[in-house]
Amino acid sequence: MQTTLELLEQALKQRNASDWAAHLRLTPSALRTARTRGHLSPAIAGALAEEMGLDAQKWIVIAALESERESACKSRMVRKFLTGAAIAGTLMGASGAATAAVANMTQAADGLYIMFNHKC
């Protein structure tokens, strides 16, 4: 899984959307809205991942990168999570942010602080 929509699809194999919404204390339309938008919010992605036994921090980073508009800062953060420059060009597309975040999560904690507290 590399995108929050893939995370949601995996979750929906375990429970239906209504059950997840009730379990996470979300409005019934929250997951439908996320699917329409094409990504989960960082809070929902983290909570869903945690309930599924996955790394919530990783999914929060992926969701944050997915929700950003294309910019120099986003590109910089995507590159920060890459393990090798050779794959940089292939990961810069719409799902590239999620793929890049998965590529190297050892720097995720440092990246979270920079991403949310540092001006580009």
C-alpha atoms as a PDB file:
ATOM      1  CA  MET A   1       0.000   0.000   0.000  1.00  0.00           C
ATOM      2  CA  GLN A   2       1.357   3.362  -0.982  1.00  0.00           C
ATOM      3  CA  THR A   3      -1.587   5.783  -0.953  1.00  0.00           C
ATOM      4  CA  THR A   4      -4.248   6.587   1.592  1.00  0.00           C
ATOM      5  CA  LEU A   5      -6.917   5.366  -0.823  1.00  0.00           C
ATOM      6  CA  GLU A   6      -5.184   1.986  -0.860  1.00  0.00           C
ATOM      7  CA  LEU A   7      -5.184   2.115   2.952  1.00  0.00           C
ATOM      8  CA  LEU A   8      -8.927   2.820   2.905  1.00  0.00           C
ATOM      9  CA  GLU A   9      -9.583  -0.022   0.440  1.00  0.00           C
ATOM     10  CA  GLN A  10      -7.644  -2.408   2.681  1.00  0.00           C
ATOM     11  CA  ALA A  11      -9.659  -1.228   5.689  1.00  0.00           C
ATOM     12  CA  LEU A  12     -12.928  -1.758   3.823  1.00  0.00           C
ATOM     13  CA  LYS A  13     -11.959  -5.396   3.306  1.00  0.00           C
ATOM     14  CA  GLN A  14     -12.026  -5.775   7.106  1.00  0.00           C
ATOM     15  CA  ARG A  15     -15.180  -3.758   7.884  1.00  0.00           C
ATOM     16  CA  ASN A  16     -17.721  -1.775   5.914  1.00  0.00           C
ATOM     17  CA  ALA A  17     -17.587   2.033   5.783  1.00  0.00           C
ATOM     18  CA  SER A  18     -20.432   2.487   8.285  1.00  0.00           C
ATOM     19  CA  ASP A  19     -18.678   0.294  10.847  1.00  0.00           C
ATOM     20  CA  TRP A  20     -15.389   2.173  10.420  1.00  0.00           C
ATOM     21  CA  ALA A  21     -17.146   5.531  10.708  1.00  0.00           C
ATOM     22  CA  ALA A  22     -18.856   4.476  13.932  1.00  0.00           C
ATOM     23  CA  HIS A  23     -15.683   2.919  15.337  1.00  0.00           C
ATOM     24  CA  LEU A  24     -13.609   6.031  14.602  1.00  0.00           C
ATOM     25  CA  ARG A  25     -16.457   8.363  15.651  1.00  0.00           C
ATOM     26  CA  LEU A  26     -16.700   9.950  12.224  1.00  0.00           C
ATOM     27  CA  THR A  27     -19.770  11.171  10.385  1.00  0.00           C
ATOM     28  CA  PRO A  28     -21.145   8.515   8.042  1.00  0.00           C
ATOM     29  CA  SER A  29     -20.167  10.613   5.017  1.00  0.00           C
ATOM     30  CA  ALA A  30     -16.535  11.230   6.079  1.00  0.00           C
ATOM     31  CA  LEU A  31     -15.095   8.172   4.337  1.00  0.00           C
ATOM     32  CA  ARG A  32     -17.222   8.709   1.217  1.00  0.00           C
ATOM     33  CA  THR A  33     -16.016  12.302   1.043  1.00  0.00           C
ATOM     34  CA  ALA A  34     -12.403  11.183   1.411  1.00  0.00           C
ATOM     35  CA  ARG A  35     -12.833   8.706  -1.424  1.00  0.00           C
ATOM     36  CA  THR A  36     -14.331  11.437  -3.628  1.00  0.00           C
ATOM     37  CA  ARG A  37     -11.438  13.805  -2.828  1.00  0.00           C
ATOM     38  CA  GLY A  38      -8.945  11.068  -3.608  1.00  0.00           C
ATOM     39  CA  HIS A  39      -7.173  10.952  -0.238  1.00  0.00           C
ATOM     40  CA  LEU A  40      -7.713  10.681   3.510  1.00  0.00           C
ATOM     41  CA  SER A  41      -6.960  13.459   5.950  1.00  0.00           C
ATOM     42  CA  PRO A  42      -3.844  12.898   8.084  1.00  0.00           C
ATOM     43  CA  ALA A  43      -5.967  12.405  11.216  1.00  0.00           C
ATOM     44  CA  ILE A  44      -8.263   9.823   9.626  1.00  0.00           C
ATOM     45  CA  ALA A  45      -5.358   8.028   7.921  1.00  0.00           C
ATOM     46  CA  GLY A  46      -3.457   7.826  11.207  1.00  0.00           C
ATOM     47  CA  ALA A  47      -6.461   6.590  13.187  1.00  0.00           C
ATOM     48  CA  LEU A  48      -7.378   4.034  10.541  1.00  0.00           C
ATOM     49  CA  ALA A  49      -3.802   2.752  10.307  1.00  0.00           C
ATOM     50  CA  GLU A  50      -3.554   2.489  14.093  1.00  0.00           C
ATOM     51  CA  GLU A  51      -6.769   0.455  14.270  1.00  0.00           C
ATOM     52  CA  MET A  52      -5.441  -1.828  11.539  1.00  0.00           C
ATOM     53  CA  GLY A  53      -2.168  -2.386  13.407  1.00  0.00           C
ATOM     54  CA  LEU A  54      -0.102  -0.342  10.956  1.00  0.00           C
ATOM     55  CA  ASP A  55       2.366   2.489  11.555  1.00  0.00           C
ATOM     56  CA  ALA A  56       0.121   5.518  12.159  1.00  0.00           C
ATOM     57  CA  GLN A  57       2.999   8.004  11.887  1.00  0.00           C
ATOM     58  CA  LYS A  58       3.891   6.751   8.422  1.00  0.00           C
ATOM     59  CA  TRP A  59       0.303   7.141   7.219  1.00  0.00           C
ATOM     60  CA  ILE A  60      -0.007  10.617   8.722  1.00  0.00           C
ATOM     61  CA  VAL A  61       3.058  11.695   6.713  1.00  0.00           C
ATOM     62  CA  ILE A  62       1.704  10.097   3.536  1.00  0.00           C
ATOM     63  CA  ALA A  63      -1.686  11.801   3.975  1.00  0.00           C
ATOM     64  CA  ALA A  64      -0.073  15.167   4.680  1.00  0.00           C
ATOM     65  CA  LEU A  65       2.028  14.950   1.525  1.00  0.00           C
ATOM     66  CA  GLU A  66      -0.922  13.792  -0.578  1.00  0.00           C
ATOM     67  CA  SER A  67      -3.053  16.731   0.519  1.00  0.00           C
ATOM     68  CA  GLU A  68      -0.451  19.368  -0.326  1.00  0.00           C
ATOM     69  CA  ARG A  69      -0.710  21.315  -3.559  1.00  0.00           C
ATOM     70  CA  GLU A  70       2.222  20.973  -5.913  1.00  0.00           C
ATOM     71  CA  SER A  71       4.961  23.363  -4.808  1.00  0.00           C
ATOM     72  CA  ALA A  72       8.689  23.591  -4.315  1.00  0.00           C
ATOM     73  CA  CYS A  73       8.193  22.740  -0.636  1.00  0.00           C
ATOM     74  CA  LYS A  74       6.205  19.618  -1.447  1.00  0.00           C
ATOM     75  CA  SER A  75       8.829  18.498  -3.952  1.00  0.00           C
ATOM     76  CA  ARG A  76      11.524  19.110  -1.358  1.00  0.00           C
ATOM     77  CA  MET A  77       9.724  17.030   1.269  1.00  0.00           C
ATOM     78  CA  VAL A  78       9.088  14.230  -1.218  1.00  0.00           C
ATOM     79  CA  ARG A  79      12.804  14.196  -2.080  1.00  0.00           C
ATOM     80  CA  LYS A  80      13.660  14.151   1.646  1.00  0.00           C
ATOM     81  CA  PHE A  81      11.957  10.781   1.988  1.00  0.00           C
ATOM     82  CA  LEU A  82      13.638   9.224  -1.045  1.00  0.00           C
ATOM     83  CA  THR A  83      16.392   6.695  -0.459  1.00  0.00           C
ATOM     84  CA  GLY A  84      18.082   7.257  -3.783  1.00  0.00           C
ATOM     85  CA  ALA A  85      18.226  10.079  -6.290  1.00  0.00           C
ATOM     86  CA  ALA A  86      17.857   7.597  -9.161  1.00  0.00           C
ATOM     87  CA  ILE A  87      14.177   7.014  -8.379  1.00  0.00           C
ATOM     88  CA  ALA A  88      13.381  10.683  -7.732  1.00  0.00           C
ATOM     89  CA  GLY A  89      12.071  11.332 -11.225  1.00  0.00           C
ATOM     90  CA  THR A  90       9.694   8.382 -11.168  1.00  0.00           C
ATOM     91  CA  LEU A  91       8.163   9.280  -7.816  1.00  0.00           C
ATOM     92  CA  MET A  92       7.219  12.900  -8.413  1.00  0.00           C
ATOM     93  CA  GLY A  93       3.713  12.231  -9.791  1.00  0.00           C
ATOM     94  CA  ALA A  94       0.396  12.438  -7.920  1.00  0.00           C
ATOM     95  CA  SER A  95       0.955   9.203  -6.024  1.00  0.00           C
ATOM     96  CA  GLY A  96       4.685   9.893  -5.862  1.00  0.00           C
ATOM     97  CA  ALA A  97       4.386  11.722  -2.577  1.00  0.00           C
ATOM     98  CA  ALA A  98       2.943   8.662  -0.931  1.00  0.00           C
ATOM     99  CA  THR A  99       5.503   6.363  -2.533  1.00  0.00           C
ATOM    100  CA  ALA A 100       8.337   8.628  -1.490  1.00  0.00           C
ATOM    101  CA  ALA A 101       7.108   8.728   2.091  1.00  0.00           C
ATOM    102  CA  VAL A 102       7.065   4.943   2.181  1.00  0.00           C
ATOM    103  CA  ALA A 103      10.541   4.728   0.660  1.00  0.00           C
ATOM    104  CA  ASN A 104      12.375   5.931   3.739  1.00  0.00           C
ATOM    105  CA  MET A 105      10.417   6.234   6.955  1.00  0.00           C
ATOM    106  CA  THR A 106      13.496   6.331   9.176  1.00  0.00           C
ATOM    107  CA  GLN A 107      13.541  10.105   8.680  1.00  0.00           C
ATOM    108  CA  ALA A 108       9.794  10.548   9.214  1.00  0.00           C
ATOM    109  CA  ALA A 109       9.947  11.961  12.723  1.00  0.00           C
ATOM    110  CA  ASP A 110      12.440  14.643  11.720  1.00  0.00           C
ATOM    111  CA  GLY A 111      10.447  15.305   8.576  1.00  0.00           C
ATOM    112  CA  LEU A 112       7.216  15.832  10.506  1.00  0.00           C
ATOM    113  CA  TYR A 113       8.769  18.577  12.571  1.00  0.00           C
ATOM    114  CA  ILE A 114      10.266  20.279   9.533  1.00  0.00           C
ATOM    115  CA  MET A 115       7.128  19.880   7.453  1.00  0.00           C
ATOM    116  CA  PHE A 116       4.790  21.441   9.988  1.00  0.00           C
ATOM    117  CA  ASN A 117       7.053  23.907  11.797  1.00  0.00           C
ATOM    118  CA  HIS A 118       9.506  25.223   9.227  1.00  0.00           C
ATOM    119  CA  LYS A 119       8.905  27.862   6.571  1.00  0.00           C
ATOM    120  CA  CYS A 120      10.115  26.849   3.137  1.00  0.00           C
END
